[in-house]
Amino acid sequence: MADRPTSMTGARRRLVIVGGGISGLAAAWEASIGGTLDVTVLDDGGAAVVPPSSRPDIGGKLRTSPVGGVATDEAADMFLARVPEGLALADELGLSDRLTAPVAGGAAIWMDGAAHPMPTGLVLGVPTDPHALGGSGLLEADDIQAVRSELVRTGRPVVEDRSIGSLIRERLGDRIADRLVQPLLGGINAGVIDRLSLAAAAPQLDVAARSGPSLTGALAATRRAAGPPSTTPAFYGLPGGMTELVTTLRTALSTRGVRLRDAVRVESVERAGGELRMVVASTRTGARAAIAADAVILAVPAAAAAALLARTEPTEPSHWAGAPETAAVLGGFRSASVAMVRLAVRPDRVRAPAGRAGLLVPHRSGFATVAVSYASTKWAHLAEDGLVRLRISVGHDDDPDSPRLPEDELVTRVLDEARTLTGLDGPVEHHSLVRWHDAFPQYDVGHLDRCATVDAALAEELPNVLVTGASYRGIGIPGCIRQGRRAAAAVMSG
């Protein structure tokens, strides 16, 4: 290790961002506005278990790799348009003309051996129109009556955080919880709605539940106030996949003078007088060095931040190392593992219903499969070679084992289930497995309070060190962009 920490600038304040996923890159983008900060991004490339050849140096979980010669996303393939930060960043990067909307958006839910189209009028799986439920084949008369009754419910609104599942089961019953809300919200979060925080994992439902006695009534009123269905796309992707967003952002950051250093592991963070010092190591050579900074943003998963902040042995007696109280709280944050099997299949060997973007599989159905995305139906650019392309997701908070099965066993199971779920008949042309270990944060009840505790404790223990990213206040791409930019703005205003 160097005797003296490396100074990365002259007069400008030095910001080091640990983590090169979209949260960290968005923080760097915000921090590089105006050139008032000297910005460095460090990333160890440890986001997932994938073949090393398909791992980019920086980009986190937003990456794309070929399946049968066609670039296909390994994780998220689009972002939500109504949360503005995704569109705003795309516009700032000159990508607005590259954005593409899904050509299919319908989804179905698997139940009793068949795929049932999702009813209209749902908000995050919660019904707002009882008239739309009758022909779905998913619910019974009692469930529809429960929706009618909840629409005119009197009583107190929700006043504190609770699980999504407890609210839905209390107001609308188990079948709506298990057959509508769990497949959708549980699928998005790789979680279980009976543990997921209403306030953190479903803020749209939380606002409605707190606004008055009826959850469905508040959601229906919001839909009516919005007027006729918008013709503006609800989601956007990119022809080059989400890697296109990351690659463009990285290039723009380099143009602004931001240093992007991959294969660098941060081993400790210390307070030394009026600055911060970090010990870093190359994941390629093991060589260590010291880096000085005026502010640090930890844009890494909570578990990684906890491990780093728990290291309290300073490199020099006069330094203060780590943040043990913060680390203890972060250590209670949970995450789930998932795997994705991407397939390319001849069209005569699989069902790919026109207009259907996906199939959701309830947890209690007995399948390891959680969702099937009909990628070539959803995206025109993935259909050009004539093959049907599927992205099949496996694993959730109550099924930690399936994503960790040996590759042959996992792929065989997915293919067997695809025969039932999609009518797969015969061999596939191409397949690829990606595992995302401990990659989906689980926002348990009280999550936002724990986030506030982390922020307060960290400000006390290690001033000018912040945490940001999917572990905290939103797992979607726009939410991560928002958090990263806010963290950088806090540094700039400090």
Protein backbone atom coordinates (compact mmCIF):
# COMPACT_ATOMS: atom_id res chain seq x y z
CA MET A 1 0.00 0.00 0.00
CA ALA A 2 1.25 3.46 -0.81
CA ASP A 3 2.64 5.42 2.12
CA ARG A 4 0.64 8.48 1.08
CA PRO A 5 -2.87 8.50 -0.33
CA THR A 6 -3.18 9.47 -3.95
CA SER A 7 -4.59 12.96 -4.38
CA MET A 8 -6.88 12.97 -7.38
CA THR A 9 -7.12 16.70 -7.97
CA GLY A 10 -5.83 20.09 -6.99
CA ALA A 11 -8.42 22.52 -5.68
CA ARG A 12 -11.65 20.78 -6.64
CA ARG A 13 -13.46 18.69 -4.05
CA ARG A 14 -12.92 15.00 -4.61
CA LEU A 15 -15.88 12.63 -4.87
CA VAL A 16 -15.40 8.89 -5.07
CA ILE A 17 -18.40 6.78 -6.06
CA VAL A 18 -18.15 3.11 -5.14
CA GLY A 19 -20.27 1.03 -7.50
CA GLY A 20 -20.67 1.33 -11.25
CA GLY A 21 -24.29 0.30 -11.66
CA ILE A 22 -26.90 2.75 -12.91
CA SER A 23 -27.19 4.40 -9.47
CA GLY A 24 -23.46 5.08 -9.28
CA LEU A 25 -23.24 6.22 -12.89
CA ALA A 26 -26.22 8.53 -12.43
CA ALA A 27 -24.55 9.98 -9.35
CA ALA A 28 -21.41 10.58 -11.39
CA TRP A 29 -23.44 12.24 -14.16
CA GLU A 30 -25.07 14.64 -11.71
CA ALA A 31 -21.81 15.31 -9.88
CA SER A 32 -19.98 16.13 -13.11
CA ILE A 33 -22.35 18.98 -14.00
CA GLY A 34 -20.43 22.23 -14.02
CA GLY A 35 -17.06 20.63 -13.34
CA THR A 36 -16.97 21.68 -9.69
CA LEU A 37 -16.12 18.19 -8.42
CA ASP A 38 -13.35 15.77 -9.30
CA VAL A 39 -15.24 12.49 -9.75
CA THR A 40 -14.01 8.90 -9.77
CA VAL A 41 -16.15 5.76 -10.06
CA LEU A 42 -14.77 2.49 -8.68
CA ASP A 43 -16.37 -0.86 -9.49
CA ASP A 44 -15.34 -4.43 -8.73
CA GLY A 45 -17.62 -6.02 -11.34
CA GLY A 46 -19.18 -8.38 -8.82
CA ALA A 47 -22.88 -7.94 -9.63
CA ALA A 48 -23.72 -11.49 -10.73
CA VAL A 49 -22.51 -14.95 -11.59
CA VAL A 50 -22.08 -15.00 -15.36
CA PRO A 51 -19.44 -16.30 -17.79
CA PRO A 52 -16.53 -13.86 -17.47
CA SER A 53 -16.61 -13.13 -21.21
CA SER A 54 -20.05 -11.54 -20.91
CA ARG A 55 -19.22 -9.34 -17.91
CA PRO A 56 -18.60 -5.69 -18.75
CA ASP A 57 -16.24 -3.71 -16.59
CA ILE A 58 -18.86 -1.20 -15.41
CA GLY A 59 -22.65 -1.26 -15.70
CA GLY A 60 -24.02 -3.35 -12.87
CA LYS A 61 -27.13 -5.33 -13.70
CA LEU A 62 -27.93 -3.38 -16.88
CA ARG A 63 -26.28 -5.49 -19.50
CA THR A 64 -27.00 -7.20 -22.76
CA SER A 65 -25.35 -10.20 -24.39
CA PRO A 66 -26.03 -12.29 -27.51
CA VAL A 67 -28.27 -15.32 -27.59
CA GLY A 68 -27.91 -16.95 -30.97
CA GLY A 69 -26.31 -13.79 -32.30
CA VAL A 70 -29.08 -11.45 -31.15
CA ALA A 71 -28.38 -9.00 -28.32
CA THR A 72 -30.79 -9.78 -25.48
CA ASP A 73 -31.00 -8.17 -22.07
CA GLU A 74 -29.81 -10.21 -19.10
CA ALA A 75 -31.99 -8.37 -16.58
CA ALA A 76 -34.24 -5.30 -16.96
CA ASP A 77 -35.15 -4.68 -20.61
CA MET A 78 -37.11 -1.43 -20.18
CA PHE A 79 -37.89 1.39 -17.79
CA LEU A 80 -41.11 2.98 -16.58
CA ALA A 81 -41.98 6.20 -18.39
CA ARG A 82 -44.19 7.81 -15.73
CA VAL A 83 -41.26 8.06 -13.33
CA PRO A 84 -39.46 10.89 -15.13
CA GLU A 85 -35.82 10.31 -14.28
CA GLY A 86 -35.29 7.58 -16.89
CA LEU A 87 -36.62 9.67 -19.76
CA ALA A 88 -34.78 12.73 -18.52
CA LEU A 89 -31.42 10.95 -18.49
CA ALA A 90 -32.04 9.44 -21.92
CA ASP A 91 -32.79 12.91 -23.26
CA GLU A 92 -29.65 14.40 -21.68
CA LEU A 93 -27.60 11.63 -23.31
CA GLY A 94 -29.13 12.23 -26.74
CA LEU A 95 -30.96 8.90 -26.72
CA SER A 96 -34.52 10.18 -27.08
CA ASP A 97 -34.66 9.24 -30.76
CA ARG A 98 -33.38 5.76 -29.94
CA LEU A 99 -36.08 4.93 -27.41
CA THR A 100 -38.49 2.25 -28.52
CA ALA A 101 -41.79 1.16 -27.01
CA PRO A 102 -42.92 -2.45 -26.64
CA VAL A 103 -45.14 -3.55 -29.52
CA ALA A 104 -47.04 -5.86 -27.18
CA GLY A 105 -48.04 -5.17 -23.61
CA GLY A 106 -50.65 -7.68 -22.58
CA ALA A 107 -49.94 -10.29 -19.93
CA ALA A 108 -51.59 -13.43 -18.65
CA ILE A 109 -51.59 -15.32 -15.37
CA TRP A 110 -51.17 -19.09 -15.18
CA MET A 111 -53.81 -20.87 -13.14
CA ASP A 112 -55.42 -24.31 -13.21
CA GLY A 113 -53.44 -25.42 -16.24
CA ALA A 114 -54.18 -22.45 -18.47
CA ALA A 115 -53.07 -18.89 -19.19
CA HIS A 116 -55.76 -16.35 -18.29
CA PRO A 117 -55.50 -12.78 -19.65
CA MET A 118 -55.11 -10.24 -16.87
CA PRO A 119 -58.30 -8.26 -16.29
CA THR A 120 -58.41 -4.62 -17.26
CA GLY A 121 -58.56 -1.89 -14.63
CA LEU A 122 -55.78 -3.25 -12.42
CA VAL A 123 -53.35 -0.99 -10.59
CA LEU A 124 -50.32 -3.03 -9.53
CA GLY A 125 -52.61 -6.03 -9.51
CA VAL A 126 -55.36 -4.37 -7.46
CA PRO A 127 -58.77 -4.33 -9.19
CA THR A 128 -60.58 -1.01 -9.58
CA ASP A 129 -63.44 -2.16 -11.83
CA PRO A 130 -65.51 -5.14 -10.64
CA HIS A 131 -67.23 -5.35 -14.05
CA ALA A 132 -63.91 -6.28 -15.68
CA LEU A 133 -63.32 -9.30 -13.43
CA GLY A 134 -66.15 -11.62 -14.35
CA GLY A 135 -64.73 -13.13 -17.51
CA SER A 136 -61.15 -13.48 -16.37
CA GLY A 137 -61.44 -17.03 -15.12
CA LEU A 138 -59.18 -16.07 -12.24
CA LEU A 139 -61.70 -15.10 -9.59
CA GLU A 140 -65.01 -16.18 -8.12
CA ALA A 141 -68.21 -14.29 -7.40
CA ASP A 142 -67.18 -13.69 -3.78
CA ASP A 143 -64.01 -11.95 -4.96
CA ILE A 144 -65.90 -9.63 -7.26
CA GLN A 145 -68.30 -8.78 -4.45
CA ALA A 146 -65.34 -8.03 -2.20
CA VAL A 147 -64.15 -5.44 -4.72
CA ARG A 148 -67.62 -3.88 -4.85
CA SER A 149 -67.74 -3.70 -1.06
CA GLU A 150 -64.25 -2.24 -0.76
CA LEU A 151 -65.12 0.49 -3.26
CA VAL A 152 -67.64 1.90 -0.76
CA ARG A 153 -65.75 0.97 2.42
CA THR A 154 -65.99 3.32 5.38
CA GLY A 155 -63.56 3.50 8.25
CA ARG A 156 -60.03 4.63 8.89
CA PRO A 157 -57.41 4.88 6.17
CA VAL A 158 -54.03 3.24 6.53
CA VAL A 159 -51.89 5.30 8.90
CA GLU A 160 -48.66 3.29 9.18
CA ASP A 161 -46.60 0.94 7.09
CA ARG A 162 -47.79 -2.62 6.77
CA SER A 163 -47.30 -5.49 4.35
CA ILE A 164 -48.96 -5.32 0.96
CA GLY A 165 -50.35 -8.79 1.51
CA SER A 166 -51.97 -8.00 4.85
CA LEU A 167 -53.82 -5.03 3.35
CA ILE A 168 -55.01 -6.87 0.24
CA ARG A 169 -56.08 -9.98 2.16
CA GLU A 170 -57.95 -7.89 4.71
CA ARG A 171 -59.75 -5.74 2.14
CA LEU A 172 -60.13 -8.04 -0.89
CA GLY A 173 -59.41 -11.61 0.19
CA ASP A 174 -56.81 -14.29 -0.41
CA ARG A 175 -57.64 -15.10 -4.03
CA ILE A 176 -57.08 -11.55 -5.25
CA ALA A 177 -53.89 -11.41 -3.19
CA ASP A 178 -52.55 -14.72 -4.50
CA ARG A 179 -53.81 -14.65 -8.08
CA LEU A 180 -53.44 -10.99 -9.04
CA VAL A 181 -51.28 -8.96 -6.68
CA GLN A 182 -48.65 -11.55 -5.77
CA PRO A 183 -47.84 -12.56 -9.37
CA LEU A 184 -47.41 -8.93 -10.41
CA LEU A 185 -45.83 -7.19 -7.41
CA GLY A 186 -44.11 -10.32 -6.18
CA GLY A 187 -42.67 -10.83 -9.64
CA ILE A 188 -41.40 -7.27 -9.93
CA ASN A 189 -39.68 -7.52 -6.54
CA ALA A 190 -38.82 -11.24 -6.51
CA GLY A 191 -40.59 -11.12 -3.18
CA VAL A 192 -43.60 -12.18 -1.17
CA ILE A 193 -46.33 -9.60 -0.69
CA ASP A 194 -46.95 -10.73 2.90
CA ARG A 195 -43.51 -9.36 3.78
CA LEU A 196 -43.12 -6.50 1.30
CA SER A 197 -43.61 -2.99 2.65
CA LEU A 198 -46.60 -1.12 1.29
CA ALA A 199 -44.81 2.22 1.61
CA ALA A 200 -41.50 1.13 0.09
CA ALA A 201 -42.45 -1.51 -2.49
CA ALA A 202 -45.79 -0.08 -3.65
CA PRO A 203 -45.86 3.67 -2.95
CA GLN A 204 -48.71 4.15 -5.41
CA LEU A 205 -50.88 1.81 -3.34
CA ASP A 206 -49.63 3.36 -0.11
CA VAL A 207 -50.71 6.85 -1.17
CA ALA A 208 -54.14 5.52 -2.12
CA ALA A 209 -54.53 3.55 1.12
CA ARG A 210 -53.63 6.59 3.23
CA SER A 211 -55.90 8.98 1.31
CA GLY A 212 -59.21 7.58 2.51
CA PRO A 213 -61.12 4.53 3.69
CA SER A 214 -61.25 2.73 0.32
CA LEU A 215 -58.10 1.56 -1.43
CA THR A 216 -59.88 0.59 -4.63
CA GLY A 217 -61.99 3.73 -4.54
CA ALA A 218 -58.92 5.96 -4.35
CA LEU A 219 -57.22 4.06 -7.16
CA ALA A 220 -60.34 4.24 -9.32
CA ALA A 221 -60.64 7.98 -8.68
CA THR A 222 -57.04 8.49 -9.75
CA ARG A 223 -57.69 6.55 -12.96
CA ARG A 224 -60.79 8.63 -13.71
CA ALA A 225 -58.94 11.87 -13.06
CA ALA A 226 -56.26 10.82 -15.52
CA GLY A 227 -58.87 10.74 -18.29
CA PRO A 228 -58.89 8.38 -21.29
CA PRO A 229 -56.03 5.89 -21.57
CA SER A 230 -52.91 7.64 -22.76
CA THR A 231 -51.42 6.82 -26.14
CA THR A 232 -47.99 7.60 -24.69
CA PRO A 233 -45.99 4.41 -24.05
CA ALA A 234 -45.83 3.27 -20.44
CA PHE A 235 -42.37 1.76 -20.91
CA TYR A 236 -39.34 2.34 -23.06
CA GLY A 237 -36.40 0.22 -24.11
CA LEU A 238 -33.49 0.59 -26.51
CA PRO A 239 -32.70 -1.39 -29.68
CA GLY A 240 -29.27 -2.20 -28.28
CA GLY A 241 -30.73 -3.26 -24.95
CA MET A 242 -30.09 -1.58 -21.62
CA THR A 243 -26.36 -1.84 -22.25
CA GLU A 244 -26.87 0.96 -24.77
CA LEU A 245 -27.92 3.28 -21.94
CA VAL A 246 -24.90 2.32 -19.84
CA THR A 247 -22.42 2.52 -22.72
CA THR A 248 -23.68 5.93 -23.80
CA LEU A 249 -23.56 7.19 -20.22
CA ARG A 250 -20.04 5.90 -19.70
CA THR A 251 -18.84 7.64 -22.87
CA ALA A 252 -20.49 10.89 -21.81
CA LEU A 253 -18.94 10.65 -18.35
CA SER A 254 -15.49 10.14 -19.80
CA THR A 255 -16.02 13.20 -22.00
CA ARG A 256 -16.75 15.17 -18.83
CA GLY A 257 -13.52 13.99 -17.25
CA VAL A 258 -14.97 11.40 -14.86
CA ARG A 259 -12.57 8.54 -14.18
CA LEU A 260 -14.16 5.09 -14.49
CA ARG A 261 -12.04 2.41 -12.87
CA ASP A 262 -13.14 -1.20 -13.08
CA ALA A 263 -11.81 -4.25 -11.22
CA VAL A 264 -11.21 -2.17 -8.09
CA ARG A 265 -12.39 -3.39 -4.69
CA VAL A 266 -12.71 -0.95 -1.78
CA GLU A 267 -11.48 -2.56 1.43
CA SER A 268 -11.97 0.19 4.00
CA VAL A 269 -13.22 3.73 4.49
CA GLU A 270 -11.65 5.92 7.17
CA ARG A 271 -11.99 9.44 8.43
CA ALA A 272 -8.61 11.13 8.68
CA GLY A 273 -8.87 14.68 9.89
CA GLY A 274 -10.85 16.67 7.37
CA GLU A 275 -10.85 14.06 4.61
CA LEU A 276 -11.80 10.48 3.87
CA ARG A 277 -9.34 7.78 2.97
CA MET A 278 -9.97 4.43 1.35
CA VAL A 279 -7.83 1.39 0.90
CA VAL A 280 -8.50 -0.16 -2.51
CA ALA A 281 -7.22 -3.30 -4.20
CA SER A 282 -7.13 -4.48 -7.77
CA THR A 283 -9.26 -7.59 -8.27
CA ARG A 284 -6.87 -8.58 -11.07
CA THR A 285 -3.47 -8.22 -9.40
CA GLY A 286 -4.25 -7.75 -5.71
CA ALA A 287 -2.15 -4.58 -5.60
CA ARG A 288 -3.30 -2.15 -2.92
CA ALA A 289 -3.32 1.63 -2.81
CA ALA A 290 -4.78 4.45 -0.74
CA ILE A 291 -7.16 7.05 -2.14
CA ALA A 292 -8.17 10.33 -0.54
CA ALA A 293 -11.58 11.94 -1.01
CA ASP A 294 -13.71 14.72 0.38
CA ALA A 295 -16.94 12.74 -0.08
CA VAL A 296 -17.85 9.14 -0.85
CA ILE A 297 -21.07 7.69 -2.25
CA LEU A 298 -21.54 3.96 -1.69
CA ALA A 299 -23.71 2.94 -4.64
CA VAL A 300 -23.49 -0.76 -3.83
CA PRO A 301 -25.96 -3.27 -2.37
CA ALA A 302 -26.70 -2.92 1.33
CA ALA A 303 -24.82 -6.11 2.18
CA ALA A 304 -21.67 -4.83 0.48
CA ALA A 305 -21.99 -1.46 2.20
CA ALA A 306 -22.51 -3.20 5.55
CA ALA A 307 -19.41 -5.36 5.10
CA LEU A 308 -17.32 -2.34 4.17
CA LEU A 309 -18.57 -0.13 7.00
CA ALA A 310 -18.16 -2.92 9.56
CA ARG A 311 -14.37 -2.80 9.13
CA THR A 312 -13.33 -0.68 12.09
CA GLU A 313 -9.56 -1.29 12.27
CA PRO A 314 -7.90 1.94 11.06
CA THR A 315 -4.71 1.89 9.03
CA GLU A 316 -3.32 4.58 11.36
CA PRO A 317 -4.10 5.15 15.07
CA SER A 318 -5.33 8.69 14.45
CA HIS A 319 -7.95 7.60 11.90
CA TRP A 320 -11.57 6.60 12.49
CA ALA A 321 -12.51 3.53 10.45
CA GLY A 322 -15.92 2.25 9.49
CA ALA A 323 -19.39 2.94 10.77
CA PRO A 324 -20.41 0.00 12.98
CA GLU A 325 -23.86 1.28 13.98
CA THR A 326 -24.74 1.91 10.34
CA ALA A 327 -23.35 -1.47 9.35
CA ALA A 328 -25.49 -3.19 11.97
CA VAL A 329 -28.67 -1.70 10.51
CA LEU A 330 -27.62 -2.44 6.94
CA GLY A 331 -26.89 -6.00 7.95
CA GLY A 332 -30.62 -6.51 8.49
CA PHE A 333 -31.49 -5.60 4.90
CA ARG A 334 -32.41 -8.73 2.96
CA SER A 335 -32.17 -9.67 -0.71
CA ALA A 336 -33.34 -12.46 -3.00
CA SER A 337 -31.66 -14.38 -5.80
CA VAL A 338 -33.05 -14.99 -9.26
CA ALA A 339 -31.92 -16.65 -12.46
CA MET A 340 -32.90 -15.99 -16.05
CA VAL A 341 -32.85 -18.53 -18.86
CA ARG A 342 -33.01 -16.95 -22.30
CA LEU A 343 -34.22 -19.14 -25.16
CA ALA A 344 -34.38 -18.85 -28.94
CA VAL A 345 -36.90 -21.29 -30.42
CA ARG A 346 -38.30 -22.01 -33.87
CA PRO A 347 -41.84 -20.59 -34.10
CA ASP A 348 -43.37 -23.98 -34.88
CA ARG A 349 -42.10 -25.33 -31.56
CA VAL A 350 -43.64 -22.88 -29.09
CA ARG A 351 -46.78 -20.84 -28.45
CA ALA A 352 -46.21 -17.09 -28.60
CA PRO A 353 -49.67 -15.52 -28.42
CA ALA A 354 -50.00 -12.35 -30.48
CA GLY A 355 -50.12 -9.22 -28.36
CA ARG A 356 -48.96 -10.98 -25.20
CA ALA A 357 -45.74 -9.70 -23.68
CA GLY A 358 -45.59 -12.05 -20.73
CA LEU A 359 -46.97 -14.80 -18.54
CA LEU A 360 -46.95 -14.54 -14.74
CA VAL A 361 -46.84 -17.71 -12.65
CA PRO A 362 -48.15 -17.54 -9.04
CA HIS A 363 -45.78 -18.83 -6.38
CA ARG A 364 -48.21 -21.48 -5.16
CA SER A 365 -48.53 -23.05 -8.61
CA GLY A 366 -45.69 -25.51 -8.00
CA PHE A 367 -43.41 -24.10 -10.71
CA ALA A 368 -39.92 -22.74 -10.22
CA THR A 369 -40.71 -20.36 -13.08
CA VAL A 370 -41.96 -16.97 -11.90
CA ALA A 371 -42.47 -15.27 -15.24
CA VAL A 372 -42.09 -15.79 -18.97
CA SER A 373 -41.33 -12.77 -21.13
CA TYR A 374 -42.15 -13.19 -24.82
CA ALA A 375 -39.23 -10.98 -25.79
CA SER A 376 -39.59 -11.26 -29.57
CA THR A 377 -43.31 -10.49 -29.33
CA LYS A 378 -42.60 -7.56 -27.06
CA TRP A 379 -39.73 -6.01 -29.03
CA ALA A 380 -39.75 -5.74 -32.82
CA HIS A 381 -35.96 -5.71 -33.04
CA LEU A 382 -35.78 -9.14 -31.38
CA ALA A 383 -38.06 -10.76 -33.97
CA GLU A 384 -36.03 -9.97 -37.06
CA ASP A 385 -34.40 -13.41 -37.42
CA GLY A 386 -37.75 -15.22 -37.21
CA LEU A 387 -37.03 -17.07 -33.96
CA VAL A 388 -39.22 -16.80 -30.88
CA ARG A 389 -37.20 -15.42 -27.99
CA LEU A 390 -38.24 -16.08 -24.40
CA ARG A 391 -36.77 -14.78 -21.15
CA ILE A 392 -37.78 -17.07 -18.29
CA SER A 393 -37.26 -15.94 -14.69
CA VAL A 394 -36.75 -18.32 -11.77
CA GLY A 395 -36.50 -17.72 -8.04
CA HIS A 396 -37.90 -15.40 -5.38
CA ASP A 397 -37.71 -14.70 -1.66
CA ASP A 398 -39.44 -17.98 -0.77
CA ASP A 399 -37.43 -19.99 -3.31
CA PRO A 400 -33.73 -19.28 -2.79
CA ASP A 401 -32.66 -22.72 -4.01
CA SER A 402 -33.85 -22.85 -7.64
CA PRO A 403 -31.56 -20.06 -8.90
CA ARG A 404 -28.57 -21.89 -7.40
CA LEU A 405 -29.20 -25.30 -8.95
CA PRO A 406 -26.41 -26.72 -11.12
CA GLU A 407 -26.70 -25.29 -14.62
CA ASP A 408 -27.76 -28.50 -16.36
CA GLU A 409 -30.40 -29.19 -13.71
CA LEU A 410 -31.74 -25.64 -13.75
CA VAL A 411 -31.95 -25.38 -17.53
CA THR A 412 -33.58 -28.81 -17.77
CA ARG A 413 -36.20 -27.81 -15.21
CA VAL A 414 -36.95 -24.54 -16.99
CA LEU A 415 -37.33 -26.34 -20.32
CA ASP A 416 -39.62 -28.95 -18.74
CA GLU A 417 -41.81 -26.22 -17.25
CA ALA A 418 -41.78 -24.30 -20.53
CA ARG A 419 -43.35 -27.32 -22.21
CA THR A 420 -46.36 -26.87 -19.95
CA LEU A 421 -46.42 -23.08 -19.77
CA THR A 422 -45.60 -22.22 -23.39
CA GLY A 423 -46.23 -25.42 -25.32
CA LEU A 424 -42.53 -25.84 -26.07
CA ASP A 425 -42.21 -28.91 -28.29
CA GLY A 426 -38.79 -30.01 -29.41
CA PRO A 427 -35.29 -28.68 -28.89
CA VAL A 428 -34.41 -25.01 -28.64
CA GLU A 429 -32.00 -23.39 -31.06
CA HIS A 430 -30.10 -21.45 -28.40
CA HIS A 431 -30.16 -20.96 -24.66
CA SER A 432 -28.24 -18.93 -22.09
CA LEU A 433 -28.34 -18.84 -18.29
CA VAL A 434 -27.65 -15.78 -16.14
CA ARG A 435 -27.75 -15.91 -12.35
CA TRP A 436 -28.32 -12.87 -10.16
CA HIS A 437 -27.30 -13.84 -6.64
CA ASP A 438 -28.71 -11.67 -3.84
CA ALA A 439 -29.55 -9.03 -6.44
CA PHE A 440 -33.16 -8.15 -5.57
CA PRO A 441 -33.52 -6.04 -2.41
CA GLN A 442 -36.42 -7.08 -0.20
CA TYR A 443 -38.25 -4.07 1.19
CA ASP A 444 -39.66 -5.55 4.38
CA VAL A 445 -42.24 -3.66 6.45
CA GLY A 446 -40.59 -0.63 8.05
CA HIS A 447 -37.98 -0.42 5.31
CA LEU A 448 -38.15 3.35 4.84
CA ASP A 449 -37.70 3.91 8.57
CA ARG A 450 -34.59 1.73 8.47
CA CYS A 451 -33.30 3.76 5.52
CA ALA A 452 -33.76 6.95 7.54
CA THR A 453 -31.89 5.34 10.45
CA VAL A 454 -29.03 4.42 8.13
CA ASP A 455 -28.80 7.97 6.78
CA ALA A 456 -28.75 9.49 10.26
CA ALA A 457 -26.27 7.00 11.71
CA LEU A 458 -23.91 7.29 8.77
CA ALA A 459 -23.94 11.10 8.91
CA GLU A 460 -22.90 10.83 12.55
CA GLU A 461 -20.27 8.11 12.19
CA LEU A 462 -18.72 9.00 8.83
CA PRO A 463 -19.74 12.48 7.69
CA ASN A 464 -19.68 13.00 3.91
CA VAL A 465 -20.26 9.31 3.23
CA LEU A 466 -23.66 8.49 1.70
CA VAL A 467 -25.39 5.33 0.53
CA THR A 468 -27.62 5.08 -2.50
CA GLY A 469 -29.06 2.55 -4.93
CA ALA A 470 -31.66 -0.16 -5.31
CA SER A 471 -31.31 -1.35 -1.71
CA TYR A 472 -32.96 1.78 -0.41
CA ARG A 473 -35.75 3.73 -2.11
CA GLY A 474 -36.69 2.10 -5.39
CA ILE A 475 -35.48 -0.87 -7.44
CA GLY A 476 -36.52 0.33 -10.91
CA ILE A 477 -34.15 2.05 -13.32
CA PRO A 478 -35.71 5.53 -12.93
CA GLY A 479 -35.78 5.14 -9.15
CA CYS A 480 -32.10 4.22 -9.08
CA ILE A 481 -31.26 7.16 -11.33
CA ARG A 482 -33.20 9.47 -9.02
CA GLN A 483 -31.43 8.19 -5.92
CA GLY A 484 -28.00 8.45 -7.47
CA ARG A 485 -28.56 11.98 -8.68
CA ARG A 486 -29.96 13.07 -5.32
CA ALA A 487 -26.95 11.68 -3.50
CA ALA A 488 -24.65 13.60 -5.81
CA ALA A 489 -26.72 16.76 -5.40
CA ALA A 490 -26.38 16.41 -1.62
CA VAL A 491 -22.61 16.25 -1.97
CA MET A 492 -22.57 19.26 -4.29
CA SER A 493 -24.65 21.34 -1.89
CA GLY A 494 -22.72 20.27 1.20
